[in-house]
Amino acid sequence: MDSITTYDRLGGETGLRQLVDRFYDLMSELPAAEPIRAMHADDLTDSRAKLFKFLSGLFGGPSLYIQEFGHPMLRARHLPFAIGENERDQWLLCMNQAVDELVVDKQLVLQLKNAFFRTADHMRNKQG
């Protein structure tokens, strides 16, 4: 029997796309996220697609990001941006709210929030 992946538990492509879209919608809507929103292009289409592809593979779905772009090298790809605790926390504010709004399974909520915290914290490249 195959184990059920996080990708499956999120509802596959549809559920993951909803999570990514809500995350970016919140980044644009929440005043507290304005600083990290300003780090992104005006048009978030590419950002949405890349995050969706990355999370698909990370969570056990198709490895779309690796197929298209190769190894994610997340930290290296984020080095051009000054990311400290404030930026990490703004990113997490949006992602955690998206998770809270869309994910019903409380165990999955905790799993996702822990994974997102570890990843976001790893992106820090400045103090503060």
N, C-alpha and C. Protein backbone atom coordinates (compact mmCIF):
# COMPACT_ATOMS: atom_id res chain seq x y z
N MET A 1 0.84 -1.20 0.00
CA MET A 1 0.00 0.00 0.00
C MET A 1 0.88 1.24 0.00
N ASP A 2 0.59 2.18 -0.88
CA ASP A 2 1.33 3.42 -0.93
C ASP A 2 0.94 4.30 0.24
N SER A 3 1.92 5.01 0.79
CA SER A 3 1.59 5.94 1.86
C SER A 3 0.98 7.20 1.25
N ILE A 4 0.12 7.82 1.99
CA ILE A 4 -0.53 9.04 1.52
C ILE A 4 0.43 10.21 1.76
N THR A 5 0.68 10.96 0.71
CA THR A 5 1.62 12.07 0.80
C THR A 5 0.94 13.34 1.33
N THR A 6 1.76 14.27 1.74
CA THR A 6 1.24 15.58 2.13
C THR A 6 0.51 16.22 0.97
N TYR A 7 1.04 16.03 -0.24
CA TYR A 7 0.40 16.54 -1.45
C TYR A 7 -1.02 15.99 -1.55
N ASP A 8 -1.18 14.69 -1.33
CA ASP A 8 -2.50 14.07 -1.37
C ASP A 8 -3.40 14.63 -0.27
N ARG A 9 -2.84 14.75 0.93
CA ARG A 9 -3.61 15.23 2.08
C ARG A 9 -4.09 16.66 1.88
N LEU A 10 -3.34 17.43 1.09
CA LEU A 10 -3.74 18.81 0.78
C LEU A 10 -4.82 18.87 -0.30
N GLY A 11 -5.09 17.76 -0.95
CA GLY A 11 -6.08 17.73 -2.02
C GLY A 11 -5.45 17.75 -3.40
N GLY A 12 -4.19 17.32 -3.47
CA GLY A 12 -3.51 17.23 -4.76
C GLY A 12 -3.30 18.60 -5.38
N GLU A 13 -3.29 18.60 -6.71
CA GLU A 13 -3.00 19.84 -7.46
C GLU A 13 -3.97 20.96 -7.07
N THR A 14 -5.25 20.66 -6.98
CA THR A 14 -6.25 21.68 -6.68
C THR A 14 -6.04 22.29 -5.31
N GLY A 15 -5.86 21.45 -4.30
CA GLY A 15 -5.67 21.95 -2.94
C GLY A 15 -4.39 22.74 -2.78
N LEU A 16 -3.32 22.26 -3.40
CA LEU A 16 -2.04 22.97 -3.30
C LEU A 16 -2.12 24.31 -4.02
N ARG A 17 -2.75 24.32 -5.19
CA ARG A 17 -2.88 25.58 -5.92
C ARG A 17 -3.71 26.59 -5.12
N GLN A 18 -4.74 26.13 -4.45
CA GLN A 18 -5.55 27.03 -3.61
C GLN A 18 -4.70 27.62 -2.48
N LEU A 19 -3.86 26.78 -1.87
CA LEU A 19 -3.00 27.25 -0.78
C LEU A 19 -2.02 28.31 -1.28
N VAL A 20 -1.37 28.05 -2.39
CA VAL A 20 -0.41 29.00 -2.97
C VAL A 20 -1.12 30.29 -3.37
N ASP A 21 -2.26 30.18 -4.01
CA ASP A 21 -2.98 31.39 -4.42
C ASP A 21 -3.43 32.20 -3.22
N ARG A 22 -3.93 31.55 -2.18
CA ARG A 22 -4.37 32.28 -0.99
C ARG A 22 -3.18 32.94 -0.31
N PHE A 23 -2.04 32.25 -0.26
CA PHE A 23 -0.82 32.82 0.32
C PHE A 23 -0.47 34.14 -0.38
N TYR A 24 -0.42 34.12 -1.71
CA TYR A 24 -0.05 35.33 -2.43
C TYR A 24 -1.14 36.39 -2.37
N ASP A 25 -2.40 35.99 -2.31
CA ASP A 25 -3.48 36.96 -2.12
C ASP A 25 -3.30 37.68 -0.78
N LEU A 26 -2.99 36.92 0.26
CA LEU A 26 -2.79 37.52 1.58
C LEU A 26 -1.57 38.43 1.59
N MET A 27 -0.52 38.03 0.89
CA MET A 27 0.67 38.87 0.82
C MET A 27 0.32 40.24 0.23
N SER A 28 -0.60 40.25 -0.71
CA SER A 28 -1.02 41.51 -1.33
C SER A 28 -2.04 42.27 -0.48
N GLU A 29 -2.78 41.56 0.36
CA GLU A 29 -3.87 42.17 1.13
C GLU A 29 -3.45 42.67 2.50
N LEU A 30 -2.56 41.97 3.17
CA LEU A 30 -2.24 42.29 4.56
C LEU A 30 -1.22 43.42 4.65
N PRO A 31 -1.58 44.51 5.33
CA PRO A 31 -0.63 45.61 5.48
C PRO A 31 0.69 45.18 6.13
N ALA A 32 0.64 44.22 7.03
CA ALA A 32 1.86 43.76 7.70
C ALA A 32 2.82 43.05 6.75
N ALA A 33 2.33 42.66 5.58
CA ALA A 33 3.17 41.95 4.61
C ALA A 33 3.69 42.86 3.50
N GLU A 34 3.42 44.16 3.59
CA GLU A 34 3.84 45.07 2.52
C GLU A 34 5.33 45.00 2.22
N PRO A 35 6.21 44.92 3.24
CA PRO A 35 7.64 44.87 2.93
C PRO A 35 8.04 43.65 2.08
N ILE A 36 7.50 42.48 2.38
CA ILE A 36 7.89 41.33 1.54
C ILE A 36 7.16 41.35 0.21
N ARG A 37 5.97 41.92 0.17
CA ARG A 37 5.27 42.03 -1.11
C ARG A 37 6.08 42.90 -2.06
N ALA A 38 6.72 43.94 -1.51
CA ALA A 38 7.52 44.86 -2.32
C ALA A 38 8.76 44.18 -2.91
N MET A 39 9.17 43.05 -2.34
CA MET A 39 10.32 42.30 -2.86
C MET A 39 9.96 41.51 -4.11
N HIS A 40 8.68 41.39 -4.39
CA HIS A 40 8.19 40.59 -5.50
C HIS A 40 7.82 41.48 -6.69
N ALA A 41 7.73 40.88 -7.85
CA ALA A 41 7.28 41.60 -9.05
C ALA A 41 5.84 42.04 -8.86
N ASP A 42 5.44 43.07 -9.58
CA ASP A 42 4.05 43.53 -9.52
C ASP A 42 3.10 42.40 -9.89
N ASP A 43 3.45 41.65 -10.93
CA ASP A 43 2.66 40.51 -11.38
C ASP A 43 3.20 39.26 -10.70
N LEU A 44 2.38 38.62 -9.91
CA LEU A 44 2.80 37.45 -9.13
C LEU A 44 2.63 36.12 -9.86
N THR A 45 2.30 36.16 -11.13
CA THR A 45 2.05 34.93 -11.88
C THR A 45 3.23 33.97 -11.80
N ASP A 46 4.45 34.44 -12.05
CA ASP A 46 5.62 33.57 -12.00
C ASP A 46 5.90 33.07 -10.59
N SER A 47 5.75 33.95 -9.61
CA SER A 47 5.97 33.55 -8.22
C SER A 47 4.99 32.45 -7.81
N ARG A 48 3.74 32.62 -8.19
CA ARG A 48 2.72 31.61 -7.87
C ARG A 48 3.08 30.27 -8.52
N ALA A 49 3.47 30.31 -9.78
CA ALA A 49 3.79 29.08 -10.49
C ALA A 49 5.01 28.39 -9.88
N LYS A 50 6.04 29.15 -9.57
CA LYS A 50 7.26 28.54 -9.02
C LYS A 50 7.02 27.95 -7.64
N LEU A 51 6.29 28.67 -6.78
CA LEU A 51 6.03 28.12 -5.44
C LEU A 51 5.17 26.87 -5.55
N PHE A 52 4.17 26.89 -6.42
CA PHE A 52 3.34 25.71 -6.61
C PHE A 52 4.19 24.52 -7.06
N LYS A 53 5.05 24.73 -8.05
CA LYS A 53 5.89 23.65 -8.57
C LYS A 53 6.85 23.14 -7.50
N PHE A 54 7.43 24.05 -6.73
CA PHE A 54 8.36 23.64 -5.67
C PHE A 54 7.63 22.82 -4.60
N LEU A 55 6.50 23.33 -4.12
CA LEU A 55 5.78 22.63 -3.05
C LEU A 55 5.21 21.30 -3.54
N SER A 56 4.85 21.22 -4.80
CA SER A 56 4.37 19.95 -5.34
C SER A 56 5.40 18.85 -5.10
N GLY A 57 6.62 19.09 -5.49
CA GLY A 57 7.67 18.09 -5.29
C GLY A 57 8.02 17.89 -3.83
N LEU A 58 8.08 18.98 -3.09
CA LEU A 58 8.43 18.90 -1.66
C LEU A 58 7.44 18.03 -0.90
N PHE A 59 6.17 18.14 -1.26
CA PHE A 59 5.11 17.45 -0.52
C PHE A 59 4.72 16.10 -1.11
N GLY A 60 5.52 15.59 -2.04
CA GLY A 60 5.29 14.24 -2.52
C GLY A 60 4.50 14.13 -3.81
N GLY A 61 4.19 15.26 -4.42
CA GLY A 61 3.53 15.25 -5.72
C GLY A 61 4.56 15.25 -6.83
N PRO A 62 4.14 15.56 -8.04
CA PRO A 62 5.09 15.60 -9.16
C PRO A 62 6.22 16.61 -8.90
N SER A 63 7.44 16.25 -9.29
CA SER A 63 8.62 17.11 -9.08
C SER A 63 8.71 18.16 -10.19
N LEU A 64 7.73 18.99 -10.28
CA LEU A 64 7.61 19.95 -11.38
C LEU A 64 8.74 20.98 -11.39
N TYR A 65 9.11 21.46 -10.22
CA TYR A 65 10.15 22.49 -10.16
C TYR A 65 11.48 21.93 -10.64
N ILE A 66 11.86 20.77 -10.13
CA ILE A 66 13.14 20.16 -10.50
C ILE A 66 13.16 19.84 -11.99
N GLN A 67 12.04 19.35 -12.51
CA GLN A 67 11.97 19.04 -13.95
C GLN A 67 12.22 20.27 -14.80
N GLU A 68 11.75 21.42 -14.35
CA GLU A 68 11.86 22.64 -15.16
C GLU A 68 13.11 23.45 -14.86
N PHE A 69 13.49 23.53 -13.58
CA PHE A 69 14.57 24.44 -13.18
C PHE A 69 15.78 23.76 -12.56
N GLY A 70 15.71 22.47 -12.30
CA GLY A 70 16.80 21.79 -11.61
C GLY A 70 16.64 21.91 -10.10
N HIS A 71 17.71 21.62 -9.39
CA HIS A 71 17.68 21.66 -7.91
C HIS A 71 17.20 23.03 -7.44
N PRO A 72 16.31 23.07 -6.45
CA PRO A 72 15.76 24.36 -6.01
C PRO A 72 16.81 25.36 -5.48
N MET A 73 17.83 24.90 -4.80
CA MET A 73 18.84 25.80 -4.22
C MET A 73 18.16 27.03 -3.61
N LEU A 74 17.20 26.78 -2.73
CA LEU A 74 16.37 27.86 -2.20
C LEU A 74 17.16 29.00 -1.59
N ARG A 75 18.10 28.66 -0.73
CA ARG A 75 18.85 29.73 -0.06
C ARG A 75 19.61 30.57 -1.08
N ALA A 76 20.28 29.92 -2.02
CA ALA A 76 21.03 30.66 -3.04
C ALA A 76 20.11 31.55 -3.88
N ARG A 77 18.94 31.04 -4.22
CA ARG A 77 18.01 31.82 -5.05
C ARG A 77 17.44 33.02 -4.29
N HIS A 78 17.47 32.96 -2.96
CA HIS A 78 16.92 34.06 -2.16
C HIS A 78 18.00 35.03 -1.67
N LEU A 79 19.27 34.75 -1.93
CA LEU A 79 20.34 35.62 -1.46
C LEU A 79 20.26 37.06 -1.95
N PRO A 80 19.75 37.32 -3.15
CA PRO A 80 19.65 38.72 -3.58
C PRO A 80 18.70 39.57 -2.71
N PHE A 81 17.90 38.92 -1.88
CA PHE A 81 16.93 39.62 -1.05
C PHE A 81 17.39 39.60 0.40
N ALA A 82 17.31 40.75 1.06
CA ALA A 82 17.67 40.83 2.48
C ALA A 82 16.53 40.22 3.29
N ILE A 83 16.79 39.06 3.88
CA ILE A 83 15.76 38.34 4.63
C ILE A 83 16.24 38.14 6.06
N GLY A 84 15.56 38.77 6.96
CA GLY A 84 15.82 38.62 8.39
C GLY A 84 14.60 38.06 9.07
N GLU A 85 14.57 38.18 10.39
CA GLU A 85 13.43 37.65 11.14
C GLU A 85 12.14 38.34 10.75
N ASN A 86 12.20 39.66 10.49
CA ASN A 86 10.97 40.39 10.13
C ASN A 86 10.38 39.86 8.83
N GLU A 87 11.23 39.68 7.83
CA GLU A 87 10.76 39.18 6.53
C GLU A 87 10.26 37.74 6.66
N ARG A 88 11.00 36.94 7.40
CA ARG A 88 10.56 35.56 7.66
C ARG A 88 9.18 35.56 8.29
N ASP A 89 9.00 36.41 9.29
CA ASP A 89 7.73 36.43 10.01
C ASP A 89 6.59 36.96 9.15
N GLN A 90 6.87 37.89 8.24
CA GLN A 90 5.84 38.38 7.33
C GLN A 90 5.41 37.26 6.38
N TRP A 91 6.39 36.53 5.87
CA TRP A 91 6.10 35.40 4.97
C TRP A 91 5.25 34.36 5.71
N LEU A 92 5.66 34.06 6.94
CA LEU A 92 4.93 33.06 7.72
C LEU A 92 3.53 33.54 8.10
N LEU A 93 3.36 34.82 8.34
CA LEU A 93 2.03 35.36 8.63
C LEU A 93 1.07 35.01 7.50
N CYS A 94 1.51 35.23 6.28
CA CYS A 94 0.66 34.94 5.11
C CYS A 94 0.44 33.44 4.94
N MET A 95 1.52 32.67 5.03
CA MET A 95 1.39 31.23 4.81
C MET A 95 0.58 30.57 5.92
N ASN A 96 0.84 30.95 7.17
CA ASN A 96 0.10 30.35 8.27
C ASN A 96 -1.39 30.69 8.19
N GLN A 97 -1.72 31.91 7.79
CA GLN A 97 -3.14 32.26 7.66
C GLN A 97 -3.77 31.47 6.52
N ALA A 98 -3.05 31.31 5.42
CA ALA A 98 -3.58 30.52 4.30
C ALA A 98 -3.83 29.08 4.75
N VAL A 99 -2.89 28.51 5.50
CA VAL A 99 -3.04 27.15 6.01
C VAL A 99 -4.26 27.08 6.94
N ASP A 100 -4.36 28.04 7.86
CA ASP A 100 -5.49 28.03 8.80
C ASP A 100 -6.83 28.13 8.08
N GLU A 101 -6.88 28.89 7.00
CA GLU A 101 -8.14 29.08 6.27
C GLU A 101 -8.52 27.86 5.44
N LEU A 102 -7.52 27.13 4.93
CA LEU A 102 -7.81 26.11 3.92
C LEU A 102 -7.62 24.66 4.37
N VAL A 103 -6.87 24.44 5.42
CA VAL A 103 -6.56 23.06 5.84
C VAL A 103 -7.37 22.72 7.08
N VAL A 104 -8.17 21.67 6.98
CA VAL A 104 -9.06 21.27 8.07
C VAL A 104 -8.36 20.33 9.05
N ASP A 105 -7.53 19.43 8.54
CA ASP A 105 -6.84 18.42 9.34
C ASP A 105 -5.82 19.10 10.26
N LYS A 106 -6.09 19.10 11.56
CA LYS A 106 -5.25 19.81 12.53
C LYS A 106 -3.83 19.25 12.59
N GLN A 107 -3.68 17.95 12.42
CA GLN A 107 -2.35 17.36 12.40
C GLN A 107 -1.56 17.86 11.18
N LEU A 108 -2.23 17.95 10.05
CA LEU A 108 -1.60 18.46 8.84
C LEU A 108 -1.26 19.94 9.00
N VAL A 109 -2.12 20.70 9.65
CA VAL A 109 -1.84 22.12 9.90
C VAL A 109 -0.53 22.26 10.65
N LEU A 110 -0.35 21.50 11.71
CA LEU A 110 0.88 21.56 12.50
C LEU A 110 2.09 21.13 11.68
N GLN A 111 1.94 20.07 10.93
CA GLN A 111 3.03 19.58 10.09
C GLN A 111 3.45 20.65 9.08
N LEU A 112 2.48 21.27 8.42
CA LEU A 112 2.77 22.31 7.43
C LEU A 112 3.43 23.51 8.07
N LYS A 113 2.88 23.97 9.19
CA LYS A 113 3.45 25.15 9.84
C LYS A 113 4.88 24.90 10.29
N ASN A 114 5.16 23.71 10.80
CA ASN A 114 6.54 23.38 11.20
C ASN A 114 7.46 23.36 9.99
N ALA A 115 7.02 22.75 8.91
CA ALA A 115 7.85 22.68 7.70
C ALA A 115 8.08 24.07 7.13
N PHE A 116 7.05 24.89 7.09
CA PHE A 116 7.20 26.23 6.54
C PHE A 116 8.10 27.08 7.43
N PHE A 117 8.00 26.92 8.74
CA PHE A 117 8.89 27.68 9.62
C PHE A 117 10.35 27.30 9.38
N ARG A 118 10.63 26.01 9.33
CA ARG A 118 12.02 25.58 9.11
C ARG A 118 12.56 26.13 7.79
N THR A 119 11.76 26.05 6.76
CA THR A 119 12.21 26.53 5.45
C THR A 119 12.39 28.05 5.46
N ALA A 120 11.42 28.77 5.98
CA ALA A 120 11.51 30.24 6.01
C ALA A 120 12.67 30.70 6.88
N ASP A 121 12.88 30.02 7.99
CA ASP A 121 13.98 30.40 8.88
C ASP A 121 15.33 30.17 8.21
N HIS A 122 15.41 29.13 7.41
CA HIS A 122 16.64 28.81 6.69
C HIS A 122 16.98 29.87 5.63
N MET A 123 16.01 30.63 5.19
CA MET A 123 16.23 31.65 4.17
C MET A 123 16.86 32.93 4.73
N ARG A 124 16.88 33.05 6.06
CA ARG A 124 17.42 34.29 6.65
C ARG A 124 18.89 34.46 6.27
N ASN A 125 19.21 35.70 5.86
CA ASN A 125 20.59 35.99 5.48
C ASN A 125 21.05 37.34 6.02
N LYS A 126 20.30 37.89 6.98
CA LYS A 126 20.69 39.14 7.65
C LYS A 126 20.15 39.12 9.07
N GLN A 127 20.71 39.97 9.90
CA GLN A 127 20.22 40.10 11.28
C GLN A 127 18.96 40.94 11.28
N GLY A 128 18.08 40.69 12.26
CA GLY A 128 16.89 41.51 12.42
C GLY A 128 15.68 41.02 11.70
